[in-house]
Protein backbone atom coordinates (compact mmCIF):
# COMPACT_ATOMS: atom_id res chain seq x y z
CA MET A 1 49.09 11.38 -85.51
CA LYS A 2 48.21 14.83 -84.55
CA HIS A 3 48.82 18.46 -85.11
CA LEU A 4 49.35 21.91 -84.17
CA PHE A 5 52.18 24.16 -83.60
CA THR A 6 52.36 27.74 -82.61
CA PHE A 7 50.66 30.22 -84.87
CA THR A 8 53.19 32.90 -83.96
CA LEU A 9 56.10 30.74 -85.06
CA LEU A 10 54.31 29.77 -88.25
CA ILE A 11 53.69 33.40 -89.17
CA ALA A 12 57.37 34.09 -88.78
CA SER A 13 58.10 31.28 -91.21
CA LEU A 14 55.51 32.41 -93.77
CA SER A 15 56.72 35.98 -93.76
CA LEU A 16 59.97 34.83 -95.35
CA PHE A 17 58.03 34.14 -98.54
CA GLY A 18 56.30 37.51 -98.60
CA GLN A 19 52.95 35.74 -98.86
CA LYS A 20 49.56 36.29 -97.25
CA LYS A 21 48.47 32.97 -95.73
CA ILE A 22 44.98 31.70 -96.58
CA VAL A 23 45.01 28.19 -95.12
CA TRP A 24 47.86 25.94 -93.95
CA PHE A 25 48.16 22.20 -93.45
CA ASP A 26 50.03 19.86 -91.16
CA LEU A 27 50.37 16.08 -90.83
CA GLY A 28 51.17 14.16 -87.70
CA LEU A 29 51.69 10.90 -85.88
CA LYS A 30 49.97 10.39 -82.56
CA GLY A 31 49.39 7.95 -79.77
CA GLN A 32 47.37 7.98 -76.57
CA TYR A 33 47.12 5.89 -73.43
CA GLY A 34 45.07 6.10 -70.29
CA ALA A 35 42.07 4.95 -68.29
CA ALA A 36 39.23 3.40 -70.27
CA GLY A 37 35.98 1.76 -69.40
CA LEU A 38 32.58 0.53 -70.51
CA TYR A 39 30.11 2.10 -68.12
CA ASN A 40 26.74 0.41 -67.64
CA GLN A 41 24.47 1.60 -64.82
CA ALA A 42 22.85 -1.81 -64.38
CA LEU A 43 26.27 -3.40 -63.82
CA ALA A 44 27.23 -0.58 -61.47
CA ASP A 45 24.12 -1.29 -59.37
CA ASP A 46 24.60 -5.04 -59.32
CA PRO A 47 26.22 -6.43 -56.14
CA GLN A 48 27.91 -9.23 -58.09
CA TYR A 49 29.92 -6.79 -60.17
CA GLY A 50 32.22 -3.98 -59.10
CA TYR A 51 33.92 -1.56 -61.43
CA THR A 52 37.68 -1.27 -61.66
CA ILE A 53 39.57 1.24 -63.78
CA GLY A 54 40.31 -0.26 -67.16
CA SER A 55 42.93 0.78 -69.70
CA GLY A 56 42.97 1.80 -73.32
CA TYR A 57 45.37 2.93 -76.01
CA ALA A 58 45.28 4.17 -79.57
CA TYR A 59 47.68 5.10 -82.36
CA GLY A 60 47.31 6.66 -85.76
CA GLY A 61 47.65 9.81 -87.79
CA LYS A 62 46.26 13.28 -88.21
CA LEU A 63 45.57 15.93 -90.82
CA GLY A 64 45.27 19.54 -89.73
CA ILE A 65 43.47 22.15 -91.85
CA ASN A 66 44.17 25.49 -90.22
CA PHE A 67 42.93 29.07 -90.55
CA GLY A 68 44.92 31.36 -88.30
CA PHE A 69 44.48 30.28 -84.68
CA ASN A 70 41.58 27.96 -85.52
CA GLY A 71 41.33 24.81 -87.56
CA LEU A 72 39.93 21.33 -88.13
CA ALA A 73 41.90 18.31 -86.88
CA ILE A 74 41.04 14.99 -88.51
CA ASP A 75 42.50 12.02 -86.64
CA VAL A 76 42.29 8.41 -87.79
CA MET A 77 43.29 6.03 -85.01
CA LYS A 78 43.20 2.34 -84.18
CA SER A 79 42.09 1.88 -80.57
CA THR A 80 41.67 -0.85 -77.97
CA GLY A 81 39.96 -0.76 -74.57
CA LYS A 82 39.38 -3.09 -71.65
CA GLN A 83 36.91 -3.22 -68.75
CA SER A 84 37.26 -5.55 -65.77
CA PHE A 85 35.37 -5.99 -62.51
CA ASP A 86 36.59 -6.62 -58.98
CA LYS A 87 33.83 -9.07 -57.93
CA THR A 88 33.93 -11.31 -61.00
CA VAL A 89 36.61 -12.64 -63.31
CA LYS A 90 34.84 -11.37 -66.42
CA THR A 91 36.66 -8.91 -68.69
CA ILE A 92 35.30 -7.07 -71.73
CA GLU A 93 37.62 -5.91 -74.52
CA TRP A 94 36.81 -3.99 -77.68
CA SER A 95 38.72 -2.60 -80.63
CA SER A 96 37.74 -0.04 -83.23
CA LEU A 97 38.84 2.28 -85.99
CA ASP A 98 38.16 5.82 -84.81
CA VAL A 99 37.74 8.97 -86.88
CA TYR A 100 37.91 12.29 -84.99
CA THR A 101 36.73 15.57 -86.53
CA LEU A 102 37.69 18.18 -83.97
CA PHE A 103 37.60 21.96 -83.88
CA ARG A 104 40.96 23.11 -82.56
CA ASN A 105 42.09 26.49 -81.31
CA ALA A 106 45.85 26.88 -80.90
CA LYS A 107 47.79 29.83 -79.59
CA ASN A 108 50.16 30.81 -76.79
CA MET A 109 52.01 27.47 -77.23
CA GLY A 110 48.89 25.48 -76.35
CA TYR A 111 45.66 24.14 -77.82
CA PHE A 112 42.05 23.31 -77.01
CA GLU A 113 39.96 20.85 -79.04
CA ILE A 114 36.36 19.70 -79.03
CA GLY A 115 34.16 17.65 -81.34
CA PRO A 116 32.81 14.19 -82.20
CA LYS A 117 34.50 10.83 -82.62
CA PHE A 118 33.03 8.18 -84.92
CA SER A 119 34.03 4.64 -83.95
CA PHE A 120 33.71 1.65 -86.26
CA ILE A 121 33.76 -1.31 -83.88
CA ASP A 122 35.89 -4.21 -85.15
CA LYS A 123 35.50 -6.69 -82.33
CA VAL A 124 34.09 -7.17 -78.83
CA SER A 125 35.33 -10.10 -76.74
CA LEU A 126 34.38 -11.46 -73.32
CA THR A 127 36.74 -13.37 -71.05
CA ALA A 128 35.16 -15.55 -68.36
CA ASP A 129 36.74 -18.43 -66.42
CA ASN A 130 39.99 -17.84 -68.36
CA VAL A 131 38.24 -18.45 -71.68
CA THR A 132 38.07 -15.62 -74.21
CA ALA A 133 35.39 -15.60 -76.90
CA ASP A 134 34.62 -13.02 -79.56
CA GLN A 135 31.03 -11.86 -79.30
CA PRO A 136 28.77 -12.29 -82.35
CA THR A 137 28.63 -9.11 -84.40
CA GLU A 138 24.86 -8.92 -83.97
CA ASN A 139 25.38 -8.49 -80.21
CA PHE A 140 26.94 -5.01 -80.53
CA ASN A 141 26.46 -1.85 -82.54
CA LYS A 142 29.14 -1.40 -85.18
CA ASN A 143 29.00 2.41 -85.12
CA VAL A 144 29.45 4.43 -81.93
CA ILE A 145 29.51 8.23 -81.61
CA SER A 146 31.40 9.91 -78.77
CA GLY A 147 32.06 13.44 -77.58
CA VAL A 148 35.69 14.53 -77.19
CA VAL A 149 37.38 17.36 -75.29
CA GLY A 150 41.13 17.88 -75.06
CA PHE A 151 43.86 20.40 -74.34
CA GLY A 152 47.64 20.47 -74.23
CA ALA A 153 50.87 22.34 -74.86
CA ASN A 154 53.74 22.44 -77.33
CA ILE A 155 56.83 20.83 -75.79
CA LEU A 156 59.07 20.36 -78.86
CA GLY A 157 59.91 22.37 -81.95
CA ASN A 158 60.40 26.06 -82.47
CA ASP A 159 60.38 26.87 -86.17
CA GLY A 160 56.78 26.23 -87.26
CA ARG A 161 57.76 23.24 -89.40
CA PHE A 162 57.92 20.62 -86.65
CA SER A 163 56.34 20.30 -83.21
CA GLY A 164 55.76 17.82 -80.44
CA ILE A 165 52.62 18.27 -78.35
CA LEU A 166 51.62 16.65 -75.06
CA GLY A 167 48.01 16.86 -73.95
CA LEU A 168 45.04 15.32 -72.18
CA ARG A 169 41.96 13.94 -73.90
CA PHE A 170 38.55 12.98 -72.49
CA GLU A 171 35.98 10.95 -74.41
CA TYR A 172 32.50 9.64 -73.64
CA GLY A 173 30.34 7.50 -75.91
CA PHE A 174 26.77 8.62 -76.50
CA THR A 175 25.82 5.49 -78.46
CA ASP A 176 25.08 2.21 -76.69
CA LEU A 177 27.73 -0.37 -77.56
CA ASP A 178 25.22 -3.20 -77.06
CA SER A 179 22.59 -3.96 -79.67
CA LYS A 180 19.00 -4.95 -78.86
CA THR A 181 19.94 -8.57 -79.60
CA GLY A 182 22.92 -8.34 -77.30
CA LYS A 183 20.85 -6.82 -74.51
CA ASP A 184 18.42 -9.74 -74.66
CA LEU A 185 21.41 -12.06 -74.12
CA GLY A 186 22.82 -10.03 -71.24
CA ALA A 187 25.49 -8.03 -73.11
CA PRO A 188 28.11 -6.91 -72.41
CA VAL A 189 28.71 -9.64 -69.77
CA ALA A 190 26.41 -12.37 -71.14
CA ASP A 191 24.34 -12.25 -67.95
CA PRO A 192 20.61 -11.52 -68.54
CA ARG A 193 20.01 -11.60 -64.77
CA VAL A 194 21.69 -8.18 -64.46
CA TYR A 195 18.92 -6.50 -66.44
CA VAL A 196 16.17 -8.47 -64.72
CA ASP A 197 17.43 -7.29 -61.32
CA ASN A 198 18.54 -3.75 -62.17
CA GLY A 199 16.74 -2.66 -65.34
CA THR A 200 18.14 -2.33 -68.84
CA ALA A 201 20.96 0.19 -69.23
CA ALA A 202 23.22 1.32 -72.06
CA SER A 203 26.95 0.55 -72.19
CA HIS A 204 29.01 3.72 -72.80
CA ILE A 205 32.66 3.66 -73.86
CA ALA A 206 34.76 6.20 -71.91
CA PHE A 207 38.40 7.26 -72.02
CA ALA A 208 40.62 9.74 -70.17
CA GLY A 209 44.31 9.83 -70.85
CA VAL A 210 47.48 11.34 -72.21
CA VAL A 211 47.96 12.04 -75.90
CA PHE A 212 51.25 12.81 -77.67
CA GLU A 213 51.60 14.22 -81.17
CA LEU A 214 54.48 14.74 -83.58
CA ASN A 215 53.51 17.23 -86.31
CA TRP A 216 55.08 18.41 -89.51
CA GLY A 217 53.97 21.48 -91.42
CA VAL A 218 53.22 20.57 -95.04
CA GLY A 219 52.52 23.94 -96.62
CA TYR A 220 49.96 26.63 -97.15
CA PHE A 221 47.89 28.36 -99.77
CA GLY A 222 48.89 32.00 -100.00
CA LYS A 223 49.00 34.92 -102.34
CA ALA A 224 51.41 37.76 -102.82
CA ARG A 225 50.37 41.03 -101.26
CA CYS A 226 50.46 42.64 -104.69
CA GLY A 227 47.34 40.65 -105.59
CA ALA A 228 48.81 37.71 -107.52
CA ARG A 229 46.88 34.47 -107.82
CA SER A 230 47.04 32.21 -104.74
CA LYS A 231 49.31 29.17 -104.88
CA PHE A 232 50.44 26.30 -102.66
CA ILE A 233 53.75 26.87 -100.91
CA MET A 234 55.68 24.02 -99.28
CA PHE A 235 57.32 24.74 -95.93
């Protein structure tokens, strides 16, 4: 669920009420899909593993708190990612509840966003020899912080009350997915030999893909130009 529509169009809408806008809000639905992966330098250096491009998707909702061209976008999304290798049959999958708190600048029918993502890891599973097993919770860190950058353009809507936005989003995890306990057991592939041969390395969640948002303007706090007390106005 995500946000943003054109500030110019919104101003045109607000002017009908003869109000001076202080802050305005929007709600949205959003989904994203693209390339995902769990990058680990030790696995990348190991001749028995070879990275392939994985996939990931997410869906959820968004609250936008906006001040003119700038604002704060709060996304809450349920996400899933997968990492496979081309020299082994092992596959790693993970799922999480993600909370984004992004600064967003929107004008000229487009937007730019940047900020952190906080992931609450629900589950990590490993498939090997056609057998899938959930990894013990002590083998991975339950909280992962990532950096996020995105941009896009308004492709639907023209009245400031509704918009559809198509964009690109890039994410990279700064926190190691694997815990110390998991590392000792060879996480994320349950193969301690990897770290003996190549040195211990962190596992970083990454994503690059397309994001689509449908947004609805909720309303704004404004006050009459004559100096009356501010009040909430529904769009």
